[in-house]
Amino acid sequence: MSSNEDLNLDSILVYNLIELGLEEYEDNELVLNTIYNLMQFFNNSNCKCHPKPKSKDLRTCYEKVGFKKFFERYLQIHALEKSELELFLKAQLMAFEITNLKLEKT
């Protein structure tokens, strides 16, 4: 393990699995690295799914869905074979396109 990886591993050890809703997961390197990656993503990204102007709910998608669901989906997607991942991505794109078409009609 490189010193950069050591630094990352040291910085992720501060996460509390219970606070994140991950109490049924073991405190191991895979879990800690996944938590670190997701935290980096959510802390460094500009979420584009802000609430609609008339909505009273001002939370972002991350806050609405919760960390545990993102964590579990992340693990599921990373476990896919290449062909499965391609099929998954195509299905997601098709679902977004259908949603966009429905929104355009209204």
Protein backbone atom coordinates (compact mmCIF):
# COMPACT_ATOMS: atom_id res chain seq x y z
CA MET A 1 0.00 0.00 0.00
CA SER A 2 1.40 3.43 -0.93
CA SER A 3 1.68 6.36 1.45
CA ASN A 4 -1.20 8.07 -0.41
CA GLU A 5 -3.41 5.02 0.21
CA ASP A 6 -2.29 4.97 3.86
CA LEU A 7 -3.34 8.59 4.18
CA ASN A 8 -6.74 7.82 2.64
CA LEU A 9 -7.26 4.81 4.88
CA ASP A 10 -6.31 6.83 7.98
CA SER A 11 -8.76 9.59 7.07
CA ILE A 12 -11.68 7.20 6.53
CA LEU A 13 -11.34 5.48 9.88
CA VAL A 14 -13.24 8.34 11.51
CA TYR A 15 -16.54 7.27 9.92
CA ASN A 16 -19.03 5.69 12.28
CA LEU A 17 -20.88 2.82 10.59
CA ILE A 18 -23.87 3.17 12.93
CA GLU A 19 -24.29 6.88 12.17
CA LEU A 20 -24.24 6.06 8.44
CA GLY A 21 -26.86 3.31 8.86
CA LEU A 22 -24.31 0.61 8.00
CA GLU A 23 -24.28 -1.26 11.30
CA GLU A 24 -24.75 -4.64 9.58
CA TYR A 25 -21.52 -4.16 7.62
CA GLU A 26 -18.08 -5.18 8.83
CA ASP A 27 -15.49 -2.51 9.47
CA ASN A 28 -13.11 -3.72 6.74
CA GLU A 29 -11.02 -2.14 3.98
CA LEU A 30 -13.66 -2.56 1.24
CA VAL A 31 -16.38 -0.93 3.33
CA LEU A 32 -14.10 1.89 4.51
CA ASN A 33 -12.79 2.59 1.00
CA THR A 34 -16.34 2.64 -0.36
CA ILE A 35 -17.45 5.06 2.37
CA TYR A 36 -14.45 7.26 1.62
CA ASN A 37 -15.15 7.26 -2.14
CA LEU A 38 -18.82 8.13 -1.67
CA MET A 39 -18.06 10.86 0.87
CA GLN A 40 -15.52 12.37 -1.52
CA PHE A 41 -18.04 12.25 -4.35
CA PHE A 42 -20.84 13.90 -2.39
CA ASN A 43 -18.61 16.48 -0.73
CA ASN A 44 -16.89 17.49 -3.99
CA SER A 45 -19.78 17.34 -6.46
CA ASN A 46 -22.31 19.93 -7.39
CA CYS A 47 -25.59 18.10 -7.22
CA LYS A 48 -27.83 19.07 -10.12
CA CYS A 49 -31.01 17.61 -8.65
CA HIS A 50 -32.05 20.60 -6.61
CA PRO A 51 -35.69 20.85 -5.63
CA LYS A 52 -38.30 22.36 -7.89
CA PRO A 53 -39.09 26.04 -7.23
CA LYS A 54 -42.50 25.31 -5.68
CA SER A 55 -41.26 22.41 -3.57
CA LYS A 56 -41.02 22.83 0.19
CA ASP A 57 -38.46 20.02 0.41
CA LEU A 58 -35.05 21.65 -0.03
CA ARG A 59 -32.98 18.49 0.38
CA THR A 60 -30.73 17.13 -2.37
CA CYS A 61 -31.09 13.59 -3.71
CA TYR A 62 -28.33 12.39 -1.40
CA GLU A 63 -30.16 13.70 1.65
CA LYS A 64 -33.52 12.30 0.47
CA VAL A 65 -32.29 8.82 -0.42
CA GLY A 66 -29.76 8.43 2.37
CA PHE A 67 -26.19 7.23 2.49
CA LYS A 68 -26.98 3.52 2.96
CA LYS A 69 -28.90 3.20 -0.32
CA PHE A 70 -26.14 4.94 -2.28
CA PHE A 71 -23.58 2.71 -0.54
CA GLU A 72 -25.42 -0.51 -1.40
CA ARG A 73 -26.03 0.52 -5.03
CA TYR A 74 -22.36 1.49 -5.38
CA LEU A 75 -21.28 -1.98 -4.25
CA GLN A 76 -23.81 -3.65 -6.56
CA ILE A 77 -22.70 -1.67 -9.61
CA HIS A 78 -18.99 -2.23 -8.95
CA ALA A 79 -19.60 -5.98 -8.73
CA LEU A 80 -21.11 -6.17 -12.23
CA GLU A 81 -19.28 -7.79 -15.12
CA LYS A 82 -18.54 -5.55 -18.11
CA SER A 83 -21.51 -6.77 -20.17
CA GLU A 84 -23.85 -6.46 -17.17
CA LEU A 85 -22.61 -2.94 -16.51
CA GLU A 86 -23.19 -1.93 -20.12
CA LEU A 87 -26.73 -3.31 -20.01
CA PHE A 88 -27.38 -1.52 -16.72
CA LEU A 89 -26.15 1.80 -18.13
CA LYS A 90 -28.23 1.42 -21.29
CA ALA A 91 -31.34 0.70 -19.22
CA GLN A 92 -30.69 3.78 -17.07
CA LEU A 93 -30.27 5.97 -20.14
CA MET A 94 -33.49 4.61 -21.63
CA ALA A 95 -35.36 5.28 -18.39
CA PHE A 96 -34.07 8.86 -18.32
CA GLU A 97 -35.09 9.36 -21.94
CA ILE A 98 -38.61 8.07 -21.29
CA THR A 99 -38.90 10.36 -18.27
CA ASN A 100 -37.70 13.33 -20.33
CA LEU A 101 -40.19 12.57 -23.10
CA LYS A 102 -43.04 12.40 -20.57
CA LEU A 103 -41.97 15.71 -19.04
CA GLU A 104 -41.83 17.36 -22.46
CA LYS A 105 -45.42 16.28 -23.21
CA THR A 106 -46.78 17.87 -20.02
